[in-house]
Amino acid sequence: MQWHQVLGFVAAVAPLTLIPGTSFTLVTQQVIAGSRSDGVLVSFGSACGLLVHAAFAAVGLSALVMSSAQALTVAKILGGIFSSGWA
């Protein structure tokens, strides 16, 4: 991958990650209900999730999932296991 392709990808993904949405709402809720450190932890977790999603998209997982129902099922199961804390 050439540097200009990486730069183009970052330029395309950056605005999407900067737009306030559900992550912003969740961080605000945690700061109001808990503390500033809770908000920082939620922000870090949200940023890590976005980074993982972007990395998977960059390596073609999205194309694989779009072409195969079985791949989608496997991705859902692995995501469920990971989010439940088993991993």
PDB file of N, CA and C in Angstrom:
ATOM      1  N   MET A   1       0.847  -1.166   0.000  1.00  0.00           N
ATOM      2  CA  MET A   1       0.000   0.000   0.000  1.00  0.00           C
ATOM      3  C   MET A   1       0.901   1.240   0.000  1.00  0.00           C
ATOM      4  N   GLN A   2       0.596   2.165  -0.849  1.00  0.00           N
ATOM      5  CA  GLN A   2       1.370   3.392  -0.975  1.00  0.00           C
ATOM      6  C   GLN A   2       0.968   4.388   0.116  1.00  0.00           C
ATOM      7  N   TRP A   3       1.868   5.302   0.426  1.00  0.00           N
ATOM      8  CA  TRP A   3       1.607   6.281   1.481  1.00  0.00           C
ATOM      9  C   TRP A   3       0.411   7.160   1.165  1.00  0.00           C
ATOM     10  N   HIS A   4       0.199   7.485  -0.124  1.00  0.00           N
ATOM     11  CA  HIS A   4      -0.938   8.343  -0.470  1.00  0.00           C
ATOM     12  C   HIS A   4      -2.269   7.600  -0.299  1.00  0.00           C
ATOM     13  N   GLN A   5      -2.251   6.273  -0.437  1.00  0.00           N
ATOM     14  CA  GLN A   5      -3.459   5.499  -0.194  1.00  0.00           C
ATOM     15  C   GLN A   5      -3.797   5.482   1.302  1.00  0.00           C
ATOM     16  N   VAL A   6      -2.776   5.322   2.130  1.00  0.00           N
ATOM     17  CA  VAL A   6      -2.988   5.341   3.577  1.00  0.00           C
ATOM     18  C   VAL A   6      -3.497   6.713   4.003  1.00  0.00           C
ATOM     19  N   LEU A   7      -2.881   7.760   3.467  1.00  0.00           N
ATOM     20  CA  LEU A   7      -3.296   9.122   3.790  1.00  0.00           C
ATOM     21  C   LEU A   7      -4.742   9.369   3.356  1.00  0.00           C
ATOM     22  N   GLY A   8      -5.118   8.871   2.183  1.00  0.00           N
ATOM     23  CA  GLY A   8      -6.500   9.005   1.714  1.00  0.00           C
ATOM     24  C   GLY A   8      -7.483   8.272   2.612  1.00  0.00           C
ATOM     25  N   PHE A   9      -7.084   7.066   3.062  1.00  0.00           N
ATOM     26  CA  PHE A   9      -7.947   6.302   3.957  1.00  0.00           C
ATOM     27  C   PHE A   9      -8.135   7.037   5.280  1.00  0.00           C
ATOM     28  N   VAL A  10      -7.044   7.553   5.828  1.00  0.00           N
ATOM     29  CA  VAL A  10      -7.126   8.295   7.090  1.00  0.00           C
ATOM     30  C   VAL A  10      -7.988   9.544   6.915  1.00  0.00           C
ATOM     31  N   ALA A  11      -7.827  10.221   5.786  1.00  0.00           N
ATOM     32  CA  ALA A  11      -8.629  11.423   5.523  1.00  0.00           C
ATOM     33  C   ALA A  11     -10.115  11.079   5.411  1.00  0.00           C
ATOM     34  N   ALA A  12     -10.428   9.889   4.906  1.00  0.00           N
ATOM     35  CA  ALA A  12     -11.829   9.489   4.774  1.00  0.00           C
ATOM     36  C   ALA A  12     -12.422   9.050   6.107  1.00  0.00           C
ATOM     37  N   VAL A  13     -11.624   8.405   6.954  1.00  0.00           N
ATOM     38  CA  VAL A  13     -12.128   7.861   8.215  1.00  0.00           C
ATOM     39  C   VAL A  13     -12.150   8.915   9.329  1.00  0.00           C
ATOM     40  N   ALA A  14     -11.201   9.834   9.329  1.00  0.00           N
ATOM     41  CA  ALA A  14     -11.082  10.814  10.414  1.00  0.00           C
ATOM     42  C   ALA A  14     -12.367  11.622  10.655  1.00  0.00           C
ATOM     43  N   PRO A  15     -13.000  12.182   9.629  1.00  0.00           N
ATOM     44  CA  PRO A  15     -14.238  12.942   9.903  1.00  0.00           C
ATOM     45  C   PRO A  15     -15.339  12.086  10.522  1.00  0.00           C
ATOM     46  N   LEU A  16     -15.400  10.822  10.136  1.00  0.00           N
ATOM     47  CA  LEU A  16     -16.421   9.940  10.699  1.00  0.00           C
ATOM     48  C   LEU A  16     -16.197   9.702  12.185  1.00  0.00           C
ATOM     49  N   THR A  17     -14.947   9.647  12.594  1.00  0.00           N
ATOM     50  CA  THR A  17     -14.662   9.414  14.009  1.00  0.00           C
ATOM     51  C   THR A  17     -14.782  10.685  14.839  1.00  0.00           C
ATOM     52  N   LEU A  18     -14.760  11.836  14.211  1.00  0.00           N
ATOM     53  CA  LEU A  18     -14.826  13.097  14.936  1.00  0.00           C
ATOM     54  C   LEU A  18     -16.243  13.636  15.105  1.00  0.00           C
ATOM     55  N   ILE A  19     -17.194  13.095  14.358  1.00  0.00           N
ATOM     56  CA  ILE A  19     -18.579  13.561  14.437  1.00  0.00           C
ATOM     57  C   ILE A  19     -19.215  13.040  15.720  1.00  0.00           C
ATOM     58  N   PRO A  20     -19.800  13.917  16.537  1.00  0.00           N
ATOM     59  CA  PRO A  20     -20.452  13.441  17.769  1.00  0.00           C
ATOM     60  C   PRO A  20     -21.605  12.498  17.439  1.00  0.00           C
ATOM     61  N   GLY A  21     -21.723  11.480  18.213  1.00  0.00           N
ATOM     62  CA  GLY A  21     -22.792  10.504  18.003  1.00  0.00           C
ATOM     63  C   GLY A  21     -23.048   9.747  19.280  1.00  0.00           C
ATOM     64  N   THR A  22     -23.284   8.456  19.156  1.00  0.00           N
ATOM     65  CA  THR A  22     -23.606   7.649  20.331  1.00  0.00           C
ATOM     66  C   THR A  22     -22.431   7.566  21.291  1.00  0.00           C
ATOM     67  N   SER A  23     -21.215   7.561  20.769  1.00  0.00           N
ATOM     68  CA  SER A  23     -20.042   7.518  21.650  1.00  0.00           C
ATOM     69  C   SER A  23     -19.990   8.771  22.520  1.00  0.00           C
ATOM     70  N   PHE A  24     -20.252   9.916  21.918  1.00  0.00           N
ATOM     71  CA  PHE A  24     -20.253  11.175  22.664  1.00  0.00           C
ATOM     72  C   PHE A  24     -21.317  11.148  23.751  1.00  0.00           C
ATOM     73  N   THR A  25     -22.482  10.628  23.407  1.00  0.00           N
ATOM     74  CA  THR A  25     -23.580  10.538  24.372  1.00  0.00           C
ATOM     75  C   THR A  25     -23.195   9.618  25.531  1.00  0.00           C
ATOM     76  N   LEU A  26     -22.574   8.499  25.216  1.00  0.00           N
ATOM     77  CA  LEU A  26     -22.164   7.553  26.253  1.00  0.00           C
ATOM     78  C   LEU A  26     -21.105   8.167  27.168  1.00  0.00           C
ATOM     79  N   VAL A  27     -20.138   8.856  26.605  1.00  0.00           N
ATOM     80  CA  VAL A  27     -19.104   9.512  27.419  1.00  0.00           C
ATOM     81  C   VAL A  27     -19.745  10.561  28.326  1.00  0.00           C
ATOM     82  N   THR A  28     -20.614  11.374  27.769  1.00  0.00           N
ATOM     83  CA  THR A  28     -21.288  12.414  28.565  1.00  0.00           C
ATOM     84  C   THR A  28     -22.083  11.789  29.707  1.00  0.00           C
ATOM     85  N   GLN A  29     -22.786  10.722  29.421  1.00  0.00           N
ATOM     86  CA  GLN A  29     -23.570  10.027  30.443  1.00  0.00           C
ATOM     87  C   GLN A  29     -22.660   9.512  31.562  1.00  0.00           C
ATOM     88  N   GLN A  30     -21.521   8.935  31.204  1.00  0.00           N
ATOM     89  CA  GLN A  30     -20.612   8.399  32.213  1.00  0.00           C
ATOM     90  C   GLN A  30     -19.988   9.500  33.067  1.00  0.00           C
ATOM     91  N   VAL A  31     -19.681  10.634  32.465  1.00  0.00           N
ATOM     92  CA  VAL A  31     -19.113  11.752  33.220  1.00  0.00           C
ATOM     93  C   VAL A  31     -20.148  12.308  34.192  1.00  0.00           C
ATOM     94  N   ILE A  32     -21.385  12.432  33.741  1.00  0.00           N
ATOM     95  CA  ILE A  32     -22.439  12.968  34.607  1.00  0.00           C
ATOM     96  C   ILE A  32     -22.762  11.986  35.736  1.00  0.00           C
ATOM     97  N   ALA A  33     -22.892  10.706  35.407  1.00  0.00           N
ATOM     98  CA  ALA A  33     -23.275   9.704  36.405  1.00  0.00           C
ATOM     99  C   ALA A  33     -22.102   9.264  37.277  1.00  0.00           C
ATOM    100  N   GLY A  34     -20.908   9.271  36.721  1.00  0.00           N
ATOM    101  CA  GLY A  34     -19.751   8.784  37.468  1.00  0.00           C
ATOM    102  C   GLY A  34     -18.745   9.876  37.720  1.00  0.00           C
ATOM    103  N   SER A  35     -17.637   9.768  37.039  1.00  0.00           N
ATOM    104  CA  SER A  35     -16.567  10.744  37.243  1.00  0.00           C
ATOM    105  C   SER A  35     -15.854  11.007  35.922  1.00  0.00           C
ATOM    106  N   ARG A  36     -14.937  11.930  35.973  1.00  0.00           N
ATOM    107  CA  ARG A  36     -14.162  12.271  34.784  1.00  0.00           C
ATOM    108  C   ARG A  36     -13.354  11.065  34.303  1.00  0.00           C
ATOM    109  N   SER A  37     -12.805  10.285  35.238  1.00  0.00           N
ATOM    110  CA  SER A  37     -12.017   9.116  34.846  1.00  0.00           C
ATOM    111  C   SER A  37     -12.884   8.068  34.145  1.00  0.00           C
ATOM    112  N   ASP A  38     -14.146   7.945  34.547  1.00  0.00           N
ATOM    113  CA  ASP A  38     -15.058   7.036  33.843  1.00  0.00           C
ATOM    114  C   ASP A  38     -15.242   7.483  32.398  1.00  0.00           C
ATOM    115  N   GLY A  39     -15.372   8.786  32.197  1.00  0.00           N
ATOM    116  CA  GLY A  39     -15.504   9.322  30.847  1.00  0.00           C
ATOM    117  C   GLY A  39     -14.270   9.078  30.011  1.00  0.00           C
ATOM    118  N   VAL A  40     -13.093   9.205  30.620  1.00  0.00           N
ATOM    119  CA  VAL A  40     -11.839   8.950  29.900  1.00  0.00           C
ATOM    120  C   VAL A  40     -11.752   7.480  29.494  1.00  0.00           C
ATOM    121  N   LEU A  41     -12.125   6.577  30.397  1.00  0.00           N
ATOM    122  CA  LEU A  41     -12.089   5.150  30.079  1.00  0.00           C
ATOM    123  C   LEU A  41     -13.054   4.803  28.940  1.00  0.00           C
ATOM    124  N   VAL A  42     -14.246   5.363  28.972  1.00  0.00           N
ATOM    125  CA  VAL A  42     -15.219   5.110  27.913  1.00  0.00           C
ATOM    126  C   VAL A  42     -14.722   5.697  26.587  1.00  0.00           C
ATOM    127  N   SER A  43     -14.118   6.859  26.637  1.00  0.00           N
ATOM    128  CA  SER A  43     -13.553   7.474  25.428  1.00  0.00           C
ATOM    129  C   SER A  43     -12.460   6.595  24.837  1.00  0.00           C
ATOM    130  N   PHE A  44     -11.582   6.096  25.691  1.00  0.00           N
ATOM    131  CA  PHE A  44     -10.509   5.225  25.230  1.00  0.00           C
ATOM    132  C   PHE A  44     -11.069   3.948  24.618  1.00  0.00           C
ATOM    133  N   GLY A  45     -12.042   3.347  25.256  1.00  0.00           N
ATOM    134  CA  GLY A  45     -12.656   2.131  24.719  1.00  0.00           C
ATOM    135  C   GLY A  45     -13.332   2.367  23.383  1.00  0.00           C
ATOM    136  N   SER A  46     -14.013   3.487  23.265  1.00  0.00           N
ATOM    137  CA  SER A  46     -14.675   3.831  22.007  1.00  0.00           C
ATOM    138  C   SER A  46     -13.657   4.054  20.883  1.00  0.00           C
ATOM    139  N   ALA A  47     -12.579   4.756  21.203  1.00  0.00           N
ATOM    140  CA  ALA A  47     -11.542   5.001  20.206  1.00  0.00           C
ATOM    141  C   ALA A  47     -10.876   3.702  19.770  1.00  0.00           C
ATOM    142  N   CYS A  48     -10.648   2.806  20.715  1.00  0.00           N
ATOM    143  CA  CYS A  48     -10.053   1.506  20.365  1.00  0.00           C
ATOM    144  C   CYS A  48     -10.993   0.704  19.462  1.00  0.00           C
ATOM    145  N   GLY A  49     -12.280   0.746  19.763  1.00  0.00           N
ATOM    146  CA  GLY A  49     -13.249   0.045  18.918  1.00  0.00           C
ATOM    147  C   GLY A  49     -13.280   0.592  17.503  1.00  0.00           C
ATOM    148  N   LEU A  50     -13.226   1.899  17.369  1.00  0.00           N
ATOM    149  CA  LEU A  50     -13.196   2.517  16.042  1.00  0.00           C
ATOM    150  C   LEU A  50     -11.918   2.147  15.293  1.00  0.00           C
ATOM    151  N   LEU A  51     -10.806   2.098  16.009  1.00  0.00           N
ATOM    152  CA  LEU A  51      -9.542   1.730  15.387  1.00  0.00           C
ATOM    153  C   LEU A  51      -9.569   0.293  14.876  1.00  0.00           C
ATOM    154  N   VAL A  52     -10.100  -0.611  15.681  1.00  0.00           N
ATOM    155  CA  VAL A  52     -10.204  -2.013  15.264  1.00  0.00           C
ATOM    156  C   VAL A  52     -11.121  -2.146  14.058  1.00  0.00           C
ATOM    157  N   HIS A  53     -12.248  -1.457  14.093  1.00  0.00           N
ATOM    158  CA  HIS A  53     -13.188  -1.501  12.970  1.00  0.00           C
ATOM    159  C   HIS A  53     -12.532  -0.987  11.686  1.00  0.00           C
ATOM    160  N   ALA A  54     -11.837   0.131  11.785  1.00  0.00           N
ATOM    161  CA  ALA A  54     -11.163   0.698  10.612  1.00  0.00           C
ATOM    162  C   ALA A  54     -10.066  -0.232  10.095  1.00  0.00           C
ATOM    163  N   ALA A  55      -9.344  -0.862  11.014  1.00  0.00           N
ATOM    164  CA  ALA A  55      -8.283  -1.787  10.603  1.00  0.00           C
ATOM    165  C   ALA A  55      -8.862  -2.991   9.880  1.00  0.00           C
ATOM    166  N   PHE A  56      -9.942  -3.548  10.400  1.00  0.00           N
ATOM    167  CA  PHE A  56     -10.584  -4.678   9.727  1.00  0.00           C
ATOM    168  C   PHE A  56     -11.116  -4.281   8.350  1.00  0.00           C
ATOM    169  N   ALA A  57     -11.671  -3.096   8.258  1.00  0.00           N
ATOM    170  CA  ALA A  57     -12.162  -2.620   6.967  1.00  0.00           C
ATOM    171  C   ALA A  57     -11.000  -2.445   5.995  1.00  0.00           C
ATOM    172  N   ALA A  58      -9.875  -1.964   6.501  1.00  0.00           N
ATOM    173  CA  ALA A  58      -8.714  -1.740   5.642  1.00  0.00           C
ATOM    174  C   ALA A  58      -8.152  -3.044   5.086  1.00  0.00           C
ATOM    175  N   VAL A  59      -8.216  -4.116   5.847  1.00  0.00           N
ATOM    176  CA  VAL A  59      -7.669  -5.388   5.367  1.00  0.00           C
ATOM    177  C   VAL A  59      -8.699  -6.221   4.603  1.00  0.00           C
ATOM    178  N   GLY A  60      -9.891  -5.718   4.456  1.00  0.00           N
ATOM    179  CA  GLY A  60     -10.863  -6.380   3.593  1.00  0.00           C
ATOM    180  C   GLY A  60     -11.885  -7.251   4.284  1.00  0.00           C
ATOM    181  N   LEU A  61     -11.993  -7.189   5.606  1.00  0.00           N
ATOM    182  CA  LEU A  61     -12.995  -8.004   6.295  1.00  0.00           C
ATOM    183  C   LEU A  61     -14.400  -7.630   5.848  1.00  0.00           C
ATOM    184  N   SER A  62     -14.629  -6.355   5.585  1.00  0.00           N
ATOM    185  CA  SER A  62     -15.957  -5.918   5.148  1.00  0.00           C
ATOM    186  C   SER A  62     -16.342  -6.592   3.830  1.00  0.00           C
ATOM    187  N   ALA A  63     -15.407  -6.656   2.893  1.00  0.00           N
ATOM    188  CA  ALA A  63     -15.687  -7.299   1.604  1.00  0.00           C
ATOM    189  C   ALA A  63     -15.952  -8.788   1.788  1.00  0.00           C
ATOM    190  N   LEU A  64     -15.197  -9.430   2.676  1.00  0.00           N
ATOM    191  CA  LEU A  64     -15.395 -10.852   2.939  1.00  0.00           C
ATOM    192  C   LEU A  64     -16.775 -11.107   3.533  1.00  0.00           C
ATOM    193  N   VAL A  65     -17.157 -10.298   4.493  1.00  0.00           N
ATOM    194  CA  VAL A  65     -18.455 -10.467   5.145  1.00  0.00           C
ATOM    195  C   VAL A  65     -19.595 -10.205   4.168  1.00  0.00           C
ATOM    196  N   MET A  66     -19.419  -9.224   3.287  1.00  0.00           N
ATOM    197  CA  MET A  66     -20.459  -8.924   2.300  1.00  0.00           C
ATOM    198  C   MET A  66     -20.645 -10.074   1.311  1.00  0.00           C
ATOM    199  N   SER A  67     -19.587 -10.842   1.068  1.00  0.00           N
ATOM    200  CA  SER A  67     -19.673 -11.906   0.062  1.00  0.00           C
ATOM    201  C   SER A  67     -20.050 -13.261   0.647  1.00  0.00           C
ATOM    202  N   SER A  68     -20.026 -13.404   1.969  1.00  0.00           N
ATOM    203  CA  SER A  68     -20.270 -14.710   2.560  1.00  0.00           C
ATOM    204  C   SER A  68     -21.134 -14.595   3.813  1.00  0.00           C
ATOM    205  N   ALA A  69     -22.264 -15.270   3.789  1.00  0.00           N
ATOM    206  CA  ALA A  69     -23.149 -15.285   4.958  1.00  0.00           C
ATOM    207  C   ALA A  69     -22.493 -16.021   6.119  1.00  0.00           C
ATOM    208  N   GLN A  70     -21.713 -17.058   5.818  1.00  0.00           N
ATOM    209  CA  GLN A  70     -21.033 -17.807   6.872  1.00  0.00           C
ATOM    210  C   GLN A  70     -19.976 -16.936   7.558  1.00  0.00           C
ATOM    211  N   ALA A  71     -19.264 -16.125   6.789  1.00  0.00           N
ATOM    212  CA  ALA A  71     -18.269 -15.229   7.374  1.00  0.00           C
ATOM    213  C   ALA A  71     -18.950 -14.207   8.283  1.00  0.00           C
ATOM    214  N   LEU A  72     -20.118 -13.737   7.892  1.00  0.00           N
ATOM    215  CA  LEU A  72     -20.867 -12.800   8.726  1.00  0.00           C
ATOM    216  C   LEU A  72     -21.264 -13.457  10.045  1.00  0.00           C
ATOM    217  N   THR A  73     -21.717 -14.687   9.981  1.00  0.00           N
ATOM    218  CA  THR A  73     -22.102 -15.413  11.188  1.00  0.00           C
ATOM    219  C   THR A  73     -20.907 -15.600  12.111  1.00  0.00           C
ATOM    220  N   VAL A  74     -19.770 -15.972  11.560  1.00  0.00           N
ATOM    221  CA  VAL A  74     -18.556 -16.148  12.368  1.00  0.00           C
ATOM    222  C   VAL A  74     -18.151 -14.822  13.011  1.00  0.00           C
ATOM    223  N   ALA A  75     -18.194 -13.735  12.246  1.00  0.00           N
ATOM    224  CA  ALA A  75     -17.840 -12.418  12.787  1.00  0.00           C
ATOM    225  C   ALA A  75     -18.790 -12.011  13.916  1.00  0.00           C
ATOM    226  N   LYS A  76     -20.083 -12.314  13.774  1.00  0.00           N
ATOM    227  CA  LYS A  76     -21.058 -11.999  14.825  1.00  0.00           C
ATOM    228  C   LYS A  76     -20.783 -12.807  16.095  1.00  0.00           C
ATOM    229  N   ILE A  77     -20.498 -14.076  15.922  1.00  0.00           N
ATOM    230  CA  ILE A  77     -20.234 -14.932  17.082  1.00  0.00           C
ATOM    231  C   ILE A  77     -18.970 -14.481  17.801  1.00  0.00           C
ATOM    232  N   LEU A  78     -17.898 -14.216  17.048  1.00  0.00           N
ATOM    233  CA  LEU A  78     -16.656 -13.756  17.667  1.00  0.00           C
ATOM    234  C   LEU A  78     -16.851 -12.398  18.352  1.00  0.00           C
ATOM    235  N   GLY A  79     -17.611 -11.515  17.741  1.00  0.00           N
ATOM    236  CA  GLY A  79     -17.902 -10.220  18.358  1.00  0.00           C
ATOM    237  C   GLY A  79     -18.709 -10.372  19.634  1.00  0.00           C
ATOM    238  N   GLY A  80     -19.662 -11.292  19.631  1.00  0.00           N
ATOM    239  CA  GLY A  80     -20.451 -11.552  20.830  1.00  0.00           C
ATOM    240  C   GLY A  80     -19.619 -12.120  21.954  1.00  0.00           C
ATOM    241  N   ILE A  81     -18.719 -13.031  21.609  1.00  0.00           N
ATOM    242  CA  ILE A  81     -17.819 -13.614  22.622  1.00  0.00           C
ATOM    243  C   ILE A  81     -16.914 -12.528  23.188  1.00  0.00           C
ATOM    244  N   PHE A  82     -16.363 -11.706  22.322  1.00  0.00           N
ATOM    245  CA  PHE A  82     -15.456 -10.653  22.779  1.00  0.00           C
ATOM    246  C   PHE A  82     -16.180  -9.640  23.656  1.00  0.00           C
ATOM    247  N   SER A  83     -17.367  -9.214  23.246  1.00  0.00           N
ATOM    248  CA  SER A  83     -18.072  -8.183  24.017  1.00  0.00           C
ATOM    249  C   SER A  83     -18.658  -8.721  25.327  1.00  0.00           C
ATOM    250  N   SER A  84     -18.839 -10.046  25.416  1.00  0.00           N
ATOM    251  CA  SER A  84     -19.353 -10.603  26.664  1.00  0.00           C
ATOM    252  C   SER A  84     -18.272 -10.754  27.716  1.00  0.00           C
ATOM    253  N   GLY A  85     -17.027 -10.583  27.315  1.00  0.00           N
ATOM    254  CA  GLY A  85     -15.938 -10.685  28.274  1.00  0.00           C
ATOM    255  C   GLY A  85     -15.313 -12.059  28.367  1.00  0.00           C
ATOM    256  N   TRP A  86     -15.711 -12.975  27.521  1.00  0.00           N
ATOM    257  CA  TRP A  86     -15.130 -14.324  27.549  1.00  0.00           C
ATOM    258  C   TRP A  86     -13.716 -14.348  26.995  1.00  0.00           C
ATOM    259  N   ALA A  87     -13.413 -13.383  26.130  1.00  0.00           N
ATOM    260  CA  ALA A  87     -12.085 -13.402  25.486  1.00  0.00           C
ATOM    261  C   ALA A  87     -11.096 -12.594  26.288  1.00  0.00           C
TER     262      ALA A  87
END
